[in-house]
Each structure stands twice: as C-alpha cells, then as structure tokens.
Protein backbone atom coordinates (compact mmCIF):
# COMPACT_ATOMS: atom_id res chain seq x y z
CA MET A 1 22.79 -10.96 183.29
CA THR A 2 23.22 -12.62 186.34
CA LEU A 3 25.21 -16.02 186.22
CA LEU A 4 25.92 -18.97 188.60
CA THR A 5 28.50 -21.33 187.61
CA THR A 6 29.27 -24.49 189.66
CA TRP A 7 32.36 -26.75 189.26
CA PRO A 8 33.56 -29.35 191.74
CA GLU A 9 36.25 -28.00 194.05
CA ALA A 10 38.87 -29.82 192.55
CA GLY A 11 38.81 -27.22 189.49
CA PRO A 12 36.90 -25.65 186.47
CA ASP A 13 37.56 -28.60 184.23
CA THR A 14 33.81 -30.11 184.64
CA VAL A 15 31.04 -27.81 184.84
CA VAL A 16 28.19 -28.98 187.37
CA ARG A 17 25.74 -26.21 186.98
CA ARG A 18 25.64 -22.93 184.43
CA THR A 19 22.21 -20.58 184.59
CA SER A 20 21.27 -17.17 184.38
CA ASP A 21 17.67 -18.07 185.21
CA PRO A 22 17.24 -16.04 188.58
CA ALA A 23 14.73 -18.65 189.94
CA GLU A 24 17.25 -21.61 189.18
CA ILE A 25 19.76 -19.77 190.67
CA ALA A 26 17.79 -19.04 193.83
CA ALA A 27 16.72 -22.70 194.07
CA ALA A 28 20.50 -23.98 193.68
CA LEU A 29 21.77 -21.78 196.32
CA ALA A 30 19.16 -22.17 198.95
CA PRO A 31 20.05 -25.68 200.11
CA ILE A 32 23.53 -24.35 201.28
CA GLY A 33 21.65 -21.22 203.06
CA VAL A 34 22.55 -18.56 200.39
CA ARG A 35 19.79 -16.17 199.97
CA PHE A 36 19.70 -14.82 196.50
CA GLU A 37 16.75 -12.42 194.96
CA GLN A 38 16.14 -9.57 192.82
CA TRP A 39 14.90 -5.96 193.59
CA PRO A 40 13.26 -3.55 191.26
CA VAL A 41 16.12 -1.85 189.51
CA ARG A 42 15.80 2.11 189.99
CA GLU A 43 16.99 3.09 186.56
CA ASP A 44 16.95 6.92 187.62
CA VAL A 45 19.64 6.31 190.05
CA PRO A 46 23.19 6.99 188.70
CA ALA A 47 25.97 4.39 188.82
CA ASP A 48 27.97 6.77 191.22
CA ALA A 49 25.10 8.09 193.29
CA ASP A 50 25.62 8.91 196.72
CA SER A 51 24.58 7.07 199.99
CA ASP A 52 21.70 9.53 200.52
CA THR A 53 20.46 9.25 196.99
CA VAL A 54 20.68 5.25 197.15
CA PHE A 55 19.01 4.98 200.40
CA ALA A 56 16.15 7.15 199.12
CA ALA A 57 15.70 5.13 196.06
CA TYR A 58 15.61 1.54 198.02
CA ARG A 59 14.28 2.68 201.49
CA THR A 60 11.37 0.50 200.90
CA GLU A 61 13.37 -2.82 200.23
CA ILE A 62 15.97 -1.79 202.91
CA ASP A 63 13.20 -1.67 205.56
CA LYS A 64 11.48 -4.74 204.60
CA LEU A 65 14.97 -6.69 204.72
CA ASN A 66 15.63 -5.27 207.99
CA ALA A 67 12.55 -6.11 209.51
CA GLU A 68 12.99 -9.75 208.46
CA GLU A 69 16.52 -10.07 209.29
CA GLY A 70 17.30 -7.56 212.21
CA PHE A 71 20.54 -5.72 210.52
CA ARG A 72 21.63 -3.20 213.01
CA THR A 73 24.07 -1.28 210.09
CA VAL A 74 23.49 -0.57 206.60
CA ASP A 75 26.07 1.20 204.37
CA VAL A 76 26.56 1.98 200.91
CA VAL A 77 30.10 1.08 199.36
CA ALA A 78 31.21 2.25 195.84
CA LEU A 79 34.22 2.12 193.82
CA HIS A 80 34.40 3.47 190.08
CA PRO A 81 37.05 4.55 187.91
CA ASP A 82 37.93 7.88 188.47
CA GLY A 83 40.71 8.57 185.99
CA SER A 84 43.24 9.72 188.46
CA PRO A 85 47.02 8.41 188.55
CA GLU A 86 46.25 6.76 191.88
CA TRP A 87 43.23 4.83 190.42
CA PRO A 88 45.03 1.79 189.30
CA ALA A 89 46.69 1.08 192.49
CA LYS A 90 43.69 2.07 194.51
CA ALA A 91 41.71 -0.60 192.43
CA ALA A 92 44.35 -3.27 192.68
CA ALA A 93 44.40 -2.84 196.57
CA ALA A 94 40.68 -2.83 197.01
CA ARG A 95 40.47 -6.05 194.95
CA GLN A 96 43.23 -7.91 196.53
CA LYS A 97 41.62 -7.50 199.96
CA PHE A 98 38.90 -9.83 199.29
CA LEU A 99 40.40 -12.40 196.72
CA ALA A 100 41.60 -15.00 199.01
CA GLU A 101 39.29 -17.59 200.74
CA HIS A 102 37.72 -16.60 203.94
CA THR A 103 34.83 -16.82 206.27
CA HIS A 104 33.02 -14.38 208.51
CA ASP A 105 32.39 -15.99 212.09
CA ASP A 106 30.39 -13.09 213.59
CA ASP A 107 27.97 -12.08 210.86
CA ASP A 108 26.48 -12.77 207.39
CA GLU A 109 27.62 -11.10 204.09
CA VAL A 110 24.63 -9.57 202.77
CA ARG A 111 25.19 -7.36 199.82
CA PHE A 112 22.69 -5.53 197.03
CA PHE A 113 23.92 -4.39 193.74
CA VAL A 114 23.06 -1.01 192.90
CA ALA A 115 25.30 -0.89 189.86
CA GLY A 116 28.10 -2.62 188.23
CA ALA A 117 28.91 -6.18 188.92
CA GLY A 118 30.96 -8.67 191.10
CA ILE A 119 31.54 -12.40 191.54
CA PHE A 120 30.94 -14.16 195.02
CA TYR A 121 32.62 -17.61 195.11
CA LEU A 122 31.13 -19.88 197.61
CA HIS A 123 33.18 -22.84 198.56
CA VAL A 124 30.69 -25.49 200.18
CA ASN A 125 30.14 -29.11 200.47
CA GLY A 126 32.66 -30.07 197.81
CA GLU A 127 31.74 -27.46 195.27
CA VAL A 128 32.68 -24.09 194.17
CA HIS A 129 29.56 -21.69 193.05
CA ALA A 130 30.67 -18.56 191.32
CA VAL A 131 27.67 -16.19 191.44
CA TYR A 132 28.06 -13.17 188.96
CA CYS A 133 25.85 -10.58 190.63
CA GLU A 134 25.04 -7.55 188.91
CA LYS A 135 22.60 -4.46 189.43
CA GLY A 136 19.57 -5.56 190.94
CA ASP A 137 20.68 -8.71 192.67
CA LEU A 138 20.75 -9.19 196.42
CA LEU A 139 23.00 -12.00 197.84
CA GLY A 140 23.37 -13.27 201.40
CA VAL A 141 26.03 -15.37 202.32
CA PRO A 142 25.74 -17.07 205.83
CA ARG A 143 28.32 -16.51 208.59
CA GLY A 144 30.71 -19.41 208.61
CA THR A 145 30.59 -20.16 204.63
CA THR A 146 34.01 -20.26 202.97
CA HIS A 147 34.03 -17.90 199.91
CA TRP A 148 35.97 -14.95 198.11
CA PHE A 149 34.85 -12.13 196.15
CA ASP A 150 36.46 -10.77 193.01
CA MET A 151 35.33 -7.33 191.55
CA GLY A 152 37.97 -7.69 188.61
CA THR A 153 40.78 -5.56 187.58
CA SER A 154 38.98 -2.28 186.72
CA PRO A 155 36.18 -2.25 189.60
CA ALA A 156 32.98 -0.38 189.07
CA PHE A 157 30.19 -1.23 191.21
CA THR A 158 27.79 0.37 194.00
CA ALA A 159 26.32 -1.96 196.68
CA ILE A 160 24.36 -1.60 199.87
CA ARG A 161 25.81 -3.84 202.47
CA PHE A 162 23.74 -5.25 205.51
CA PHE A 163 25.44 -5.88 208.91
CA HIS A 164 24.11 -7.57 212.14
CA GLU A 165 27.23 -6.50 213.97
CA GLU A 166 28.30 -2.77 214.20
CA ASP A 167 31.97 -3.95 213.61
CA GLY A 168 31.28 -4.20 210.01
CA TRP A 169 33.45 -6.53 207.60
CA ILE A 170 36.00 -8.82 209.55
CA GLY A 171 37.42 -11.63 207.53
CA ASN A 172 38.99 -14.82 208.70
CA PHE A 173 41.28 -16.20 206.13
CA THR A 174 41.87 -19.73 205.49
CA GLY A 175 45.11 -19.75 203.85
CA SER A 176 43.94 -21.73 200.89
CA PRO A 177 45.32 -21.11 197.27
CA ILE A 178 41.86 -22.66 196.00
CA ALA A 179 40.88 -19.12 194.38
CA ASP A 180 43.70 -19.37 192.30
CA ARG A 181 42.55 -22.35 190.47
CA PHE A 182 39.32 -20.91 189.23
CA PRO A 183 38.35 -18.18 186.40
CA ASP A 184 38.55 -14.90 188.08
CA PHE A 185 35.99 -11.80 187.56
CA ASP A 186 37.54 -10.92 184.16
CA GLU A 187 37.50 -14.30 182.56
CA ILE A 188 33.90 -14.93 183.34
CA HIS A 189 32.77 -11.24 182.44
CA ALA A 190 34.13 -11.52 179.04
CA GLY A 191 32.60 -14.91 178.57
CA TYR A 192 29.12 -14.58 180.24
CA ALA A 193 27.23 -12.75 177.68
CA GLY A 194 26.66 -15.84 175.34
CA VAL A 195 25.52 -18.11 178.09
CA ALA A 196 21.91 -19.36 177.75
CA GLY A 197 19.51 -19.19 180.72
CA SER A 198 19.37 -22.91 181.21
CA SER A 199 21.21 -25.16 183.51
CA ALA A 200 24.26 -27.38 182.31
C-alpha cells in the first residue's frame, strides 16, 4: 500500500495529511511539481530480477516516459538481503548515503519501484511529505527540491532510475539535521498497514 503523510516542517506532532489513495497522493504532490503515478505490476518479474528482465517487462512504460521527458540514461538499482556476513555493513552504508537532506541541481530524481519499498521525504514550502513508495509506484522529484530517502535498516527493493544527465546521481547536501526529527522508514513501515485510504 502506498502512503503519503504530510507534517509541518517543525516536526511530526501534527499530521496535515495522511492518505493511501493514489489519486489523492498525485493531487497533493502535483502543486509542488512532483510526479506520482502507478504502472501495471508485472507479477512474473522476480523481486531480484536482473536488469535485462526488468527492462523487457517494463519496456512499454519506459519508452513512453522517455518520449515524454527526454531521459538520456535509464538503469536498474537493486538491494536485497543476501545472507552474507558483509550484508549488514553493506546495507547500512547504502542507507546512510541518502538519509541526510539534499538536492539535485542538475537533474530530477525519478524512480519506479519494481519490487520492495522506500520512502522519499520532500521538504517543500514549510512542510515535509513522506511518500512511502512500493511495487508499481513511480515518483519524480524535480531538480532543486530538498529531500531525503530512506530504505530502512534492512533494504529490499529494485527500482528503475531515469536521468536527464549522464553523470547519474549527484547530491548536494544542505547540512540540515531535519531528517532526524521525523519517523524513519522502519517506523512508518511498521505502522502503515492499518492506515485507511482517506486524508486526515
């Protein structure tokens, strides 16, 4: 279940909005330039599918988005527990890279979740929007938008990434500790199942 939660930037004591309705999520994010849509889920694509399998399964949607947005680079990023002794350190390092608030000056951040889940936190106009994305969700964050991303302490996701620039992911960190004030992926993931699909 996809979930959008909005709080004032001061902290999470007051919930401005909470909804799991895709149309409401798209409508709430559109005014800040964020693209949210859902693609048909290919149930025959394994969670740990390789890039070729993912591209083949979603070729129609990828080509359509490329035609609309003019992306120059598309790739697949995946992180799944592998049972190795190195996994905890690998997972922690991968998570830490995106946890602090940052912007991208030269490109949008566009992700489609093939499997698993992650949360984008968007800090815009005095509010923080936590967008819990899961399999089938596409989120496009405009360049210059302050945000951070959390994949949890046990990351498990596969996503297609779209870039206008060939340099790929380049983050400009704001130095703000704001991310520390809000519920992280693990907290939201643990409690989201009981949320009804209507705005608060």
